[in-house]
Amino acid sequence: MKKLFILMISFGALFASCNKENDEVLASKDVTYETEFEEITGNSTLFIKGEYTDKDGKTVKIDEPLPFKLTLKDVPANLKCKFKGYIFSIKANEIKGVVRMSTSNSKQNLYRGRKQINISTDASLGFTSEELKAKTNFDFSE
């Protein structure tokens, strides 16, 4: 009877340690927000305008020239991240590129959001601000 009791305690400890290791591995994730756009002659600098979720769950505003890439390490696994906005330029007649958001932990990819943008206009002044907001907007959330 004592041996059976000791055996049961040993199995319990073994399972508890296995679960604890898996919980530690899955307790965090990495989040990457990025843009990749072609440089096109005649275009003004492209900007990303929008917001993303930081590793503390706070919304952070973005107004940055492209390219833009930000990887957050050790983000709590239960935090739901968002990345939204649009591409802006004072003058652009053609915009080609991609906006991405991805999350992963050490075991798997958890989320992948991707928007391909390929637009052009014959207007001499390029796109209006309203056209850019409508045609280049993105909204990713886990």
Protein backbone atom coordinates (compact mmCIF):
# COMPACT_ATOMS: atom_id res chain seq x y z
CA MET A 1 0.00 0.00 0.00
CA LYS A 2 2.86 2.38 0.84
CA LYS A 3 4.52 1.63 -2.51
CA LEU A 4 1.30 2.37 -4.37
CA PHE A 5 0.94 5.67 -2.50
CA ILE A 6 4.55 6.67 -3.27
CA LEU A 7 4.08 5.66 -6.92
CA MET A 8 0.93 7.81 -7.19
CA ILE A 9 2.72 10.82 -5.64
CA SER A 10 5.63 10.36 -8.08
CA PHE A 11 3.30 10.31 -11.09
CA GLY A 12 1.49 13.38 -9.78
CA ALA A 13 4.75 15.28 -9.38
CA LEU A 14 5.88 14.21 -12.85
CA PHE A 15 2.65 15.42 -14.48
CA ALA A 16 2.71 18.65 -12.49
CA SER A 17 6.26 19.43 -13.63
CA CYS A 18 5.39 18.69 -17.28
CA ASN A 19 2.38 20.99 -17.16
CA LYS A 20 4.40 23.71 -15.45
CA GLU A 21 7.06 23.61 -18.20
CA ASN A 22 4.41 23.86 -20.93
CA ASP A 23 2.69 26.75 -19.12
CA GLU A 24 5.97 28.67 -18.91
CA VAL A 25 6.63 28.22 -22.61
CA LEU A 26 3.12 29.33 -23.56
CA ALA A 27 2.89 32.18 -21.03
CA SER A 28 4.29 34.66 -23.55
CA LYS A 29 4.40 35.35 -27.26
CA ASP A 30 6.21 37.59 -29.72
CA VAL A 31 4.28 40.15 -31.79
CA THR A 32 5.59 41.72 -35.00
CA TYR A 33 4.08 44.74 -36.72
CA GLU A 34 5.62 45.62 -40.09
CA THR A 35 5.30 47.27 -43.49
CA GLU A 36 7.19 46.60 -46.69
CA PHE A 37 6.66 49.03 -49.57
CA GLU A 38 8.44 49.70 -52.85
CA GLU A 39 10.20 53.03 -53.30
CA ILE A 40 8.64 54.54 -56.41
CA THR A 41 10.17 57.49 -58.26
CA GLY A 42 8.03 60.61 -58.00
CA ASN A 43 6.38 59.64 -54.72
CA SER A 44 6.89 61.64 -51.56
CA THR A 45 7.89 59.73 -48.44
CA LEU A 46 5.32 57.16 -47.35
CA PHE A 47 4.17 57.18 -43.72
CA ILE A 48 2.24 54.77 -41.56
CA LYS A 49 -0.42 56.45 -39.45
CA GLY A 50 -2.33 54.41 -36.92
CA GLU A 51 -1.90 52.51 -33.69
CA TYR A 52 -0.80 49.21 -32.19
CA THR A 53 -1.04 47.39 -28.87
CA ASP A 54 2.15 47.39 -26.77
CA LYS A 55 3.23 44.58 -24.41
CA ASP A 56 1.40 46.25 -21.49
CA GLY A 57 -1.90 46.31 -23.41
CA LYS A 58 -1.75 50.05 -24.05
CA THR A 59 -2.60 51.59 -27.41
CA VAL A 60 0.37 53.41 -28.95
CA LYS A 61 -0.07 55.92 -31.79
CA ILE A 62 2.12 55.63 -34.90
CA ASP A 63 3.11 58.39 -37.33
CA GLU A 64 6.36 57.10 -38.82
CA PRO A 65 8.07 57.08 -42.21
CA LEU A 66 8.29 53.70 -43.92
CA PRO A 67 9.70 51.13 -43.63
CA PHE A 68 8.24 50.31 -40.23
CA LYS A 69 8.97 47.16 -38.24
CA LEU A 70 8.49 46.55 -34.55
CA THR A 71 8.84 43.22 -32.73
CA LEU A 72 7.68 42.94 -29.13
CA LYS A 73 9.14 40.03 -27.15
CA ASP A 74 7.60 38.30 -24.12
CA VAL A 75 4.11 39.73 -24.57
CA PRO A 76 1.63 38.02 -22.19
CA ALA A 77 -0.06 35.20 -24.13
CA ASN A 78 -3.54 36.24 -23.01
CA LEU A 79 -3.15 39.83 -24.30
CA LYS A 80 -5.07 40.38 -27.55
CA CYS A 81 -3.06 42.66 -29.82
CA LYS A 82 -4.28 45.04 -32.54
CA PHE A 83 -2.64 46.90 -35.39
CA LYS A 84 -4.64 49.36 -37.47
CA GLY A 85 -4.15 52.43 -39.59
CA TYR A 86 -3.38 53.49 -43.15
CA ILE A 87 -0.53 54.56 -45.43
CA PHE A 88 -0.13 58.29 -46.12
CA SER A 89 1.91 60.39 -48.52
CA ILE A 90 1.81 64.08 -49.41
CA LYS A 91 2.11 63.08 -53.06
CA ALA A 92 1.97 59.55 -54.43
CA ASN A 93 0.65 58.27 -57.74
CA GLU A 94 1.46 54.61 -57.09
CA ILE A 95 1.72 52.60 -53.86
CA LYS A 96 2.79 48.97 -53.79
CA GLY A 97 3.50 46.97 -50.68
CA VAL A 98 2.25 44.92 -47.78
CA VAL A 99 1.29 45.48 -44.15
CA ARG A 100 1.61 42.55 -41.72
CA MET A 101 0.97 41.60 -38.13
CA SER A 102 1.98 38.23 -36.72
CA THR A 103 2.08 36.59 -33.31
CA SER A 104 3.89 33.41 -32.34
CA ASN A 105 5.20 31.54 -29.35
CA SER A 106 8.04 29.04 -29.22
CA LYS A 107 5.77 26.26 -30.45
CA GLN A 108 3.60 27.76 -33.20
CA ASN A 109 2.37 30.72 -35.20
CA LEU A 110 -0.73 32.03 -33.44
CA TYR A 111 -1.97 34.76 -35.78
CA ARG A 112 -1.05 36.15 -39.18
CA GLY A 113 -2.71 39.22 -40.67
CA ARG A 114 -1.64 40.52 -44.06
CA LYS A 115 -2.90 43.18 -46.48
CA GLN A 116 -1.45 43.61 -49.93
CA ILE A 117 -1.74 47.16 -51.31
CA ASN A 118 -1.30 47.92 -55.01
CA ILE A 119 -2.97 51.16 -56.11
CA SER A 120 -2.28 53.86 -58.71
CA THR A 121 -3.85 57.06 -60.03
CA ASP A 122 -3.44 59.31 -63.05
CA ALA A 123 -4.25 62.44 -61.04
CA SER A 124 -1.42 64.94 -61.34
CA LEU A 125 -1.38 65.61 -57.58
CA GLY A 126 -1.67 61.95 -56.64
CA PHE A 127 -4.13 60.51 -54.17
CA THR A 128 -6.18 62.67 -51.82
CA SER A 129 -5.96 62.03 -48.07
CA GLU A 130 -9.45 60.52 -48.14
CA GLU A 131 -8.52 58.15 -50.99
CA LEU A 132 -5.41 57.01 -49.12
CA LYS A 133 -7.40 56.33 -45.93
CA ALA A 134 -9.99 54.34 -47.87
CA LYS A 135 -7.63 52.38 -50.12
CA THR A 136 -4.71 51.65 -47.77
CA ASN A 137 -6.46 51.11 -44.44
CA PHE A 138 -5.76 47.95 -42.44
CA ASP A 139 -7.20 46.57 -39.22
CA PHE A 140 -5.70 43.42 -37.67
CA SER A 141 -6.67 41.95 -34.31
CA GLU A 142 -6.12 38.55 -32.80
